[in-house]
Protein backbone atom coordinates (compact mmCIF):
# COMPACT_ATOMS: atom_id res chain seq x y z
CA MET A 1 -260.82 49.12 75.83
CA ALA A 2 -258.19 51.83 76.50
CA LEU A 3 -255.25 50.88 78.58
CA ALA A 4 -253.29 53.60 80.51
CA VAL A 5 -249.78 53.00 81.57
CA ALA A 6 -248.35 55.21 84.35
CA ALA A 7 -245.83 54.87 87.10
CA ALA A 8 -244.52 57.54 89.54
CA ALA A 9 -242.79 55.78 92.38
CA THR A 10 -239.70 57.97 92.78
CA SER A 11 -238.69 61.55 91.98
CA SER A 12 -236.14 60.37 89.39
CA PHE A 13 -238.87 58.90 87.25
CA ARG A 14 -239.75 61.18 84.35
CA PRO A 15 -242.76 60.06 82.32
CA ARG A 16 -242.49 60.74 78.63
CA LEU A 17 -245.74 59.57 77.05
CA VAL A 18 -249.03 57.80 77.40
CA VAL A 19 -249.72 54.89 75.10
CA ALA A 20 -253.30 54.28 74.09
CA ALA A 21 -254.70 51.66 71.81
CA ALA A 22 -255.99 53.06 68.57
CA SER A 23 -258.70 50.39 68.42
CA SER A 24 -259.82 47.23 70.16
CA SER A 25 -258.23 45.20 67.43
CA PRO A 26 -255.15 43.24 68.63
CA ASP A 27 -253.44 43.83 65.25
CA SER A 28 -253.36 47.56 65.70
CA THR A 29 -249.95 48.49 67.13
CA GLU A 30 -250.01 52.20 66.22
CA THR A 31 -249.60 54.44 69.22
CA HIS A 32 -250.24 58.18 69.89
CA ARG A 33 -247.73 60.13 71.88
CA ARG A 34 -248.89 63.17 73.88
CA HIS A 35 -246.37 65.97 74.42
CA TRP A 36 -246.97 67.66 77.75
CA LYS A 37 -246.65 71.45 77.79
CA ALA A 38 -245.15 73.47 80.58
CA GLY A 39 -247.31 73.33 83.70
CA GLU A 40 -249.74 70.70 82.34
CA PHE A 41 -248.11 67.54 83.62
CA PRO A 42 -249.63 66.66 87.00
CA PHE A 43 -246.43 65.15 88.43
CA PRO A 44 -243.62 67.74 88.21
CA THR A 45 -240.21 66.50 89.12
CA THR A 46 -237.83 68.15 91.54
CA SER A 47 -235.18 68.91 88.91
CA ASP A 48 -237.59 70.63 86.56
CA ALA A 49 -239.51 72.73 89.11
CA PRO A 50 -237.03 75.60 89.55
CA ARG A 51 -236.42 75.99 85.86
CA ARG A 52 -240.13 76.06 85.02
CA SER A 53 -240.98 78.42 87.86
CA ALA A 54 -238.30 80.88 86.80
CA ARG A 55 -239.49 80.71 83.23
CA ASN A 56 -243.11 81.14 84.17
CA SER A 57 -242.34 84.16 86.40
CA GLU A 58 -240.95 86.00 83.40
CA ARG A 59 -243.98 85.33 81.22
CA PRO A 60 -247.28 87.18 81.56
CA PRO A 61 -250.34 85.01 82.17
CA ARG A 62 -251.75 83.52 79.02
CA LYS A 63 -255.28 84.22 77.98
CA PRO A 64 -257.53 81.17 77.69
CA VAL A 65 -258.23 80.03 74.15
CA ALA A 66 -261.86 79.69 73.22
CA ALA A 67 -263.20 76.37 72.01
CA GLY A 68 -262.71 75.84 68.33
CA GLU A 69 -260.20 78.69 68.07
CA ASP A 70 -256.67 78.19 66.90
CA GLU A 71 -254.27 78.27 69.84
CA ASP A 72 -251.56 80.17 67.92
CA LYS A 73 -254.08 82.81 66.95
CA GLY A 74 -254.58 83.88 70.58
CA ARG A 75 -250.88 84.35 71.23
CA ARG A 76 -249.43 87.83 71.30
CA HIS A 77 -246.20 88.44 69.46
CA TRP A 78 -244.24 91.03 71.44
CA LYS A 79 -242.35 93.65 69.49
CA ALA A 80 -238.91 94.92 70.38
CA GLY A 81 -239.04 96.83 73.63
CA GLU A 82 -242.71 95.99 74.42
CA PHE A 83 -242.24 92.90 76.56
CA PRO A 84 -242.11 93.99 80.21
CA GLY A 85 -239.48 91.43 81.12
CA THR A 86 -236.91 92.45 78.53
CA PRO A 87 -233.77 90.36 79.00
CA GLU A 88 -230.35 91.84 79.51
CA ASN A 89 -229.18 90.98 76.01
CA SER A 90 -231.87 93.13 74.38
CA GLY A 91 -231.20 95.78 71.76
CA ARG A 92 -231.08 98.64 74.29
CA ARG A 93 -227.90 100.68 74.41
CA ARG A 94 -226.16 100.28 77.72
CA ARG A 95 -225.26 103.42 79.60
CA SER A 96 -221.60 104.02 79.99
CA PRO A 97 -220.21 103.95 83.50
CA ILE A 98 -219.88 107.21 85.42
CA LYS A 99 -216.11 106.99 85.41
CA ASN A 100 -216.06 106.97 81.60
CA VAL A 101 -218.36 110.00 81.50
CA LYS A 102 -216.04 111.85 83.85
CA LYS A 103 -213.06 110.98 81.66
CA ARG A 104 -214.81 112.37 78.60
CA LEU A 105 -215.74 115.57 80.42
CA ASP A 106 -212.18 116.02 81.63
CA ALA A 107 -210.83 115.40 78.15
CA ARG A 108 -213.25 117.92 76.69
CA ALA A 109 -212.24 120.53 79.27
CA GLU A 110 -208.56 119.97 78.52
CA ALA A 111 -209.22 120.23 74.80
CA LYS A 112 -210.56 123.78 75.04
CA ALA A 113 -208.83 126.25 72.79
CA TRP A 114 -206.12 128.27 74.48
CA ALA A 115 -207.60 131.45 73.05
CA CYS A 116 -210.80 131.00 75.06
CA THR A 117 -208.84 130.83 78.28
CA VAL A 118 -206.83 133.96 77.51
CA THR A 119 -209.87 135.93 76.32
CA GLU A 120 -211.57 135.07 79.58
CA ALA A 121 -208.50 136.34 81.40
CA LEU A 122 -208.69 139.57 79.39
CA SER A 123 -212.35 140.01 80.32
CA ASP A 124 -211.54 139.42 83.97
CA ARG A 125 -208.82 142.06 83.91
CA ILE A 126 -211.16 144.56 82.30
CA ASP A 127 -213.89 143.86 84.86
CA ALA A 128 -211.34 144.31 87.64
CA LYS A 129 -210.32 147.68 86.07
CA ASN A 130 -206.71 146.56 85.92
CA TRP A 131 -205.65 148.30 82.73
CA GLN A 132 -201.96 147.30 82.92
CA GLU A 133 -202.58 143.57 83.06
CA ALA A 134 -205.40 143.92 80.54
CA LEU A 135 -202.99 145.43 78.00
CA GLN A 136 -200.43 142.71 78.71
CA VAL A 137 -202.99 139.96 78.07
CA PHE A 138 -204.16 141.78 74.95
CA GLU A 139 -200.60 141.92 73.60
CA MET A 140 -200.26 138.20 74.29
CA LEU A 141 -203.43 137.51 72.36
CA LYS A 142 -202.35 139.55 69.34
CA GLU A 143 -199.25 137.34 68.95
CA GLN A 144 -201.42 134.30 68.29
CA PRO A 145 -202.11 133.61 64.59
CA PHE A 146 -205.69 132.47 65.24
CA TYR A 147 -206.80 135.60 67.13
CA HIS A 148 -208.33 138.60 65.41
CA PRO A 149 -209.39 141.53 67.66
CA LYS A 150 -212.99 142.63 67.38
CA GLU A 151 -214.67 145.98 67.77
CA GLY A 152 -216.10 145.06 71.16
CA THR A 153 -212.65 144.30 72.56
CA PHE A 154 -211.27 147.68 71.47
CA MET A 155 -214.37 149.38 72.86
CA LYS A 156 -213.92 147.83 76.31
CA LEU A 157 -210.22 148.69 76.39
CA LEU A 158 -210.81 152.29 75.32
CA LEU A 159 -213.42 152.78 78.02
CA LEU A 160 -211.14 151.17 80.60
CA LEU A 161 -208.20 153.39 79.69
CA GLY A 162 -210.39 156.48 79.79
CA ARG A 163 -211.72 155.65 83.25
CA SER A 164 -208.21 154.86 84.45
CA GLY A 165 -206.83 158.24 83.40
CA GLN A 166 -204.84 156.98 80.41
CA PRO A 167 -206.04 159.02 77.40
CA SER A 168 -202.69 158.82 75.60
CA ARG A 169 -202.72 155.02 75.76
CA ALA A 170 -206.28 155.09 74.49
CA ARG A 171 -205.14 157.15 71.50
CA HIS A 172 -202.26 154.73 70.87
CA LEU A 173 -204.67 151.78 70.98
CA PHE A 174 -207.03 153.54 68.58
CA ASP A 175 -204.21 154.19 66.07
CA GLU A 176 -203.10 150.58 66.40
CA MET A 177 -206.63 149.46 65.63
CA LEU A 178 -206.62 151.53 62.45
CA SER A 179 -203.23 150.12 61.40
CA GLN A 180 -204.57 146.58 61.70
CA GLY A 181 -207.31 147.35 59.20
CA CYS A 182 -210.17 147.58 61.69
CA GLN A 183 -212.67 150.16 60.49
CA PRO A 184 -213.59 152.90 63.01
CA THR A 185 -217.18 153.38 64.05
CA PRO A 186 -219.04 156.25 65.75
CA GLU A 187 -219.07 154.20 68.95
CA LEU A 188 -215.28 153.77 68.94
CA TYR A 189 -214.74 157.46 68.25
CA THR A 190 -217.15 158.33 71.06
CA ALA A 191 -215.26 156.07 73.45
CA LEU A 192 -211.99 157.81 72.52
CA ILE A 193 -213.59 161.25 72.96
CA ALA A 194 -214.95 160.16 76.36
CA ALA A 195 -211.44 159.11 77.42
CA TYR A 196 -210.17 162.64 76.79
CA CYS A 197 -213.25 164.34 78.26
CA ARG A 198 -212.97 162.40 81.50
CA ASN A 199 -209.48 163.76 81.98
CA GLY A 200 -210.34 167.37 81.18
CA LEU A 201 -208.75 167.41 77.72
CA LEU A 202 -211.70 169.05 76.02
CA ASP A 203 -209.71 170.70 73.21
CA ASP A 204 -208.23 167.35 72.12
CA ALA A 205 -211.69 165.81 72.25
CA LEU A 206 -213.02 168.55 69.97
CA ARG A 207 -210.30 167.74 67.45
CA PHE A 208 -211.50 164.16 67.35
CA LEU A 209 -214.99 165.53 66.74
CA ASP A 210 -213.67 167.33 63.67
CA ASP A 211 -212.13 164.06 62.48
CA MET A 212 -215.50 162.38 62.80
CA LYS A 213 -217.18 165.08 60.73
CA THR A 214 -214.76 164.49 57.86
CA SER A 215 -215.33 160.70 57.92
CA PRO A 216 -218.48 159.70 56.00
CA LEU A 217 -218.96 156.48 57.99
CA CYS A 218 -218.28 157.95 61.44
CA GLN A 219 -220.60 160.90 61.77
CA PRO A 220 -221.22 162.05 65.36
CA ASP A 221 -224.50 161.12 66.99
CA VAL A 222 -226.43 162.23 70.07
CA TYR A 223 -224.18 160.14 72.36
CA THR A 224 -221.08 161.88 71.02
CA TYR A 225 -222.56 165.31 71.66
CA SER A 226 -223.85 164.26 75.09
CA THR A 227 -220.31 163.25 76.06
CA LEU A 228 -218.89 166.57 74.90
CA ILE A 229 -221.68 168.60 76.54
CA LYS A 230 -221.04 166.88 79.86
CA ALA A 231 -217.36 167.83 79.59
CA CYS A 232 -218.35 171.43 78.88
CA VAL A 233 -220.70 171.48 81.87
CA ASP A 234 -218.09 169.96 84.19
CA THR A 235 -215.59 172.65 83.21
CA SER A 236 -218.29 175.39 83.36
CA ARG A 237 -217.80 176.26 79.68
CA PHE A 238 -221.45 176.98 79.04
CA ASP A 239 -220.66 179.01 75.95
CA MET A 240 -219.60 175.74 74.34
CA VAL A 241 -222.93 174.19 75.30
CA ASP A 242 -224.83 176.66 73.14
CA SER A 243 -222.52 176.00 70.18
CA MET A 244 -223.02 172.25 70.65
CA TYR A 245 -226.78 172.68 70.59
CA LYS A 246 -226.49 174.74 67.41
CA ASP A 247 -224.25 172.12 65.78
CA MET A 248 -226.75 169.40 66.69
CA ALA A 249 -229.62 171.40 65.19
CA ASP A 250 -227.67 171.85 61.94
CA ARG A 251 -227.19 168.10 61.71
CA SER A 252 -230.83 167.36 62.66
CA ILE A 253 -229.77 165.63 65.86
CA ALA A 254 -232.33 166.07 68.64
CA PRO A 255 -231.05 166.02 72.22
CA ASN A 256 -232.36 163.20 74.36
CA THR A 257 -233.37 163.18 78.02
CA VAL A 258 -229.83 162.38 79.18
CA THR A 259 -228.43 165.38 77.32
CA GLN A 260 -231.01 167.74 78.79
CA ASN A 261 -230.53 166.40 82.31
CA ILE A 262 -226.78 167.03 82.05
CA VAL A 263 -227.34 170.66 81.07
CA LEU A 264 -230.10 171.08 83.64
CA SER A 265 -227.82 169.84 86.41
CA GLY A 266 -225.02 172.15 85.28
CA TYR A 267 -227.22 175.22 85.26
CA GLY A 268 -228.57 174.35 88.68
CA ARG A 269 -225.09 173.95 90.12
CA VAL A 270 -224.09 177.50 89.14
CA GLY A 271 -227.50 178.98 89.97
CA ARG A 272 -228.64 179.85 86.46
CA LEU A 273 -232.33 179.35 87.22
CA ASP A 274 -233.58 181.16 84.12
CA ASP A 275 -231.62 178.85 81.85
CA MET A 276 -232.89 175.89 83.86
CA GLU A 277 -236.45 177.01 83.28
CA LYS A 278 -235.83 177.26 79.53
CA VAL A 279 -234.36 173.76 79.38
CA LEU A 280 -237.18 172.32 81.48
CA SER A 281 -239.83 174.01 79.33
CA ALA A 282 -238.17 172.59 76.21
CA MET A 283 -238.26 169.14 77.76
CA LEU A 284 -241.94 169.39 78.56
CA ASP A 285 -242.74 170.41 74.98
CA SER A 286 -240.42 167.88 73.34
CA THR A 287 -241.23 164.37 72.17
CA THR A 288 -237.65 163.07 72.30
CA SER A 289 -236.49 164.40 75.68
CA LYS A 290 -239.38 163.98 78.09
CA PRO A 291 -238.50 164.55 81.78
CA ASP A 292 -237.93 161.46 83.90
CA VAL A 293 -237.20 160.69 87.52
CA TRP A 294 -233.63 162.00 87.11
CA THR A 295 -235.06 165.35 86.03
CA MET A 296 -237.30 165.28 89.06
CA ASN A 297 -234.37 164.57 91.39
CA ILE A 298 -232.31 167.41 89.89
CA ILE A 299 -235.06 170.01 90.40
CA LEU A 300 -235.95 168.83 93.90
CA SER A 301 -232.33 168.69 94.96
CA LEU A 302 -231.77 172.23 93.69
CA PHE A 303 -234.61 173.78 95.68
CA GLY A 304 -233.99 171.55 98.68
CA ASN A 305 -230.35 172.63 98.96
CA ARG A 306 -231.42 176.26 98.64
CA GLY A 307 -233.93 175.82 101.46
CA GLU A 308 -236.90 176.68 99.25
CA VAL A 309 -239.16 173.94 100.55
CA GLU A 310 -242.38 175.35 99.13
CA LEU A 311 -241.00 175.43 95.59
CA MET A 312 -239.64 171.92 96.11
CA GLU A 313 -243.07 170.64 97.14
CA LYS A 314 -244.69 172.50 94.25
CA TRP A 315 -242.40 170.89 91.70
CA TYR A 316 -242.83 167.51 93.36
CA GLU A 317 -246.58 167.70 92.79
CA LYS A 318 -246.03 168.87 89.19
CA PHE A 319 -243.81 165.93 88.38
CA ARG A 320 -246.30 163.56 89.97
CA GLY A 321 -248.96 165.13 87.76
CA TYR A 322 -246.80 164.34 84.72
CA GLY A 323 -246.90 160.68 85.71
CA ILE A 324 -243.36 160.48 87.13
CA GLU A 325 -243.17 158.25 90.19
CA PRO A 326 -240.59 158.94 92.91
CA GLU A 327 -237.82 156.54 93.81
CA THR A 328 -235.78 156.02 96.98
CA ARG A 329 -233.33 158.79 96.08
CA THR A 330 -236.22 161.21 95.50
CA LEU A 331 -237.65 160.59 98.95
CA ASN A 332 -234.21 160.87 100.53
CA ILE A 333 -233.92 164.34 98.95
CA LEU A 334 -237.20 165.33 100.61
CA ILE A 335 -236.05 163.98 103.98
CA GLY A 336 -232.77 165.89 103.75
CA ALA A 337 -234.54 169.14 102.83
CA TYR A 338 -237.05 168.81 105.67
CA GLY A 339 -234.28 167.95 108.09
CA LYS A 340 -232.29 171.08 107.23
CA LYS A 341 -235.39 173.20 107.94
CA ARG A 342 -236.11 171.21 111.16
CA MET A 343 -239.49 170.14 109.84
CA TYR A 344 -239.46 166.86 111.72
CA ASP A 345 -243.15 166.08 111.27
CA LYS A 346 -242.87 166.12 107.48
CA MET A 347 -239.62 164.21 107.67
CA SER A 348 -241.33 161.48 109.71
CA THR A 349 -244.27 161.51 107.30
CA VAL A 350 -241.97 160.83 104.34
CA MET A 351 -240.26 158.00 106.22
CA GLU A 352 -243.62 156.45 107.06
CA TYR A 353 -244.60 156.81 103.39
CA MET A 354 -241.45 154.94 102.41
CA ARG A 355 -242.25 152.16 104.86
CA LYS A 356 -245.81 151.73 103.58
CA LEU A 357 -244.69 151.59 99.95
CA ALA A 358 -241.86 149.17 100.78
CA PHE A 359 -239.11 151.64 99.84
CA PRO A 360 -235.97 150.56 101.70
CA TRP A 361 -234.38 152.87 104.22
CA THR A 362 -230.88 153.26 102.85
CA THR A 363 -227.69 154.62 104.35
CA ALA A 364 -228.54 158.03 102.88
CA THR A 365 -231.88 157.96 104.73
CA PHE A 366 -230.25 157.44 108.11
CA ASN A 367 -227.49 159.93 107.33
CA ASN A 368 -230.07 162.62 106.57
CA VAL A 369 -231.90 161.91 109.82
CA ILE A 370 -228.71 161.89 111.91
CA GLU A 371 -227.49 165.13 110.34
CA ALA A 372 -230.85 166.80 110.92
CA PHE A 373 -230.91 166.02 114.63
CA ALA A 374 -227.20 166.62 115.05
CA GLU A 375 -227.55 170.18 113.76
CA ALA A 376 -230.37 170.75 116.23
CA GLY A 377 -228.28 169.38 119.11
CA ILE A 378 -230.66 166.52 119.81
CA HIS A 379 -229.43 163.12 120.97
CA ILE A 380 -230.99 160.33 118.92
CA TRP A 381 -230.84 156.60 118.76
CA VAL A 382 -231.49 154.55 115.68
CA VAL A 383 -232.46 150.89 115.62
CA ASN A 384 -232.23 149.05 112.30
CA ARG A 385 -233.46 145.48 112.35
CA LYS A 386 -234.09 142.92 109.65
CA THR A 387 -237.86 142.83 110.08
CA THR A 388 -238.63 146.29 111.52
CA GLN A 389 -236.92 149.62 111.31
CA GLN A 390 -237.61 152.13 114.02
CA ILE A 391 -236.35 155.56 114.74
CA GLY A 392 -236.76 157.16 118.16
CA VAL A 393 -236.04 160.66 119.40
CA GLN A 394 -235.05 161.39 122.99
CA TRP A 395 -235.56 165.05 123.83
């Protein structure tokens, strides 16, 4: 007969085992000890309860083991990083504090090469069109052993000096570039020629063109000739334009749309309408210099300034038939032409057309309207709001 021994009078008592008789024989003194697992003992003590509850809260609930199945077989062995309650001392890499990240970023910013800072300063001076400070920064850079000027830097400086009215300094910079072993390119020669053309030194620019022709690696291209043709048009030396076209034909260089628009605008300014018609016909028949919206604006502006509104409207429809869409400047030209002829109905129609197609009313639009009514001696008021734009006439 089995005999169970148990006692649980106070909370300090901690039962260890249960002794059971192996058999009814009095000689048998062998005992079997039972090891209680967590949560199985029916009388938990006060000292063990918090520790077990904390441990059990970290563990997922165990699946019941089927009868006859090995208990270890039903256990899941969690791999690294799979257990949802990963402790703090796991193999994950701790993120560094924000202050350390900031220190590294500051150190990296301070460790930037000095050349980067000065090159940025050079770019800022060029963008600001400050040629004096740009040359000073460039001289500072050249003194550094790690800096080697590139073609793009010389290109920007040459263009800046040309726009600032410093062709002689541009020539000095170009010679300095050659002395440092930097090979010239057609683009660099074109930038130098543009510096002289902008300042009306066409003869000097033509000498640089001759230098390009003698250099096998710096032959002039369509951009070089376009720059020279623009200088000829600006100085009304149209005889040089014909020689430029002949030189381009000998070198198998076809003029592009920009070149033709420059000549077209020059002929229109001096009233050479026959020559304009020849250039425009050549553009329509060409595959490399098709007319664009700039061509359209040149023709419309010519006839609009001359007061030939019917021809202007005729050419407007022709260009639309060629698939050229108008822009804001195109419509402003129409408004100005109608205003000069006091054709206020058509002027209002164009403005309504702009509003429907979401073309913005610019300062030129309002200037054309004000000038039109001012010439007629009419007092007007103009209201320009963010959401609506209205124009009213008080007779």
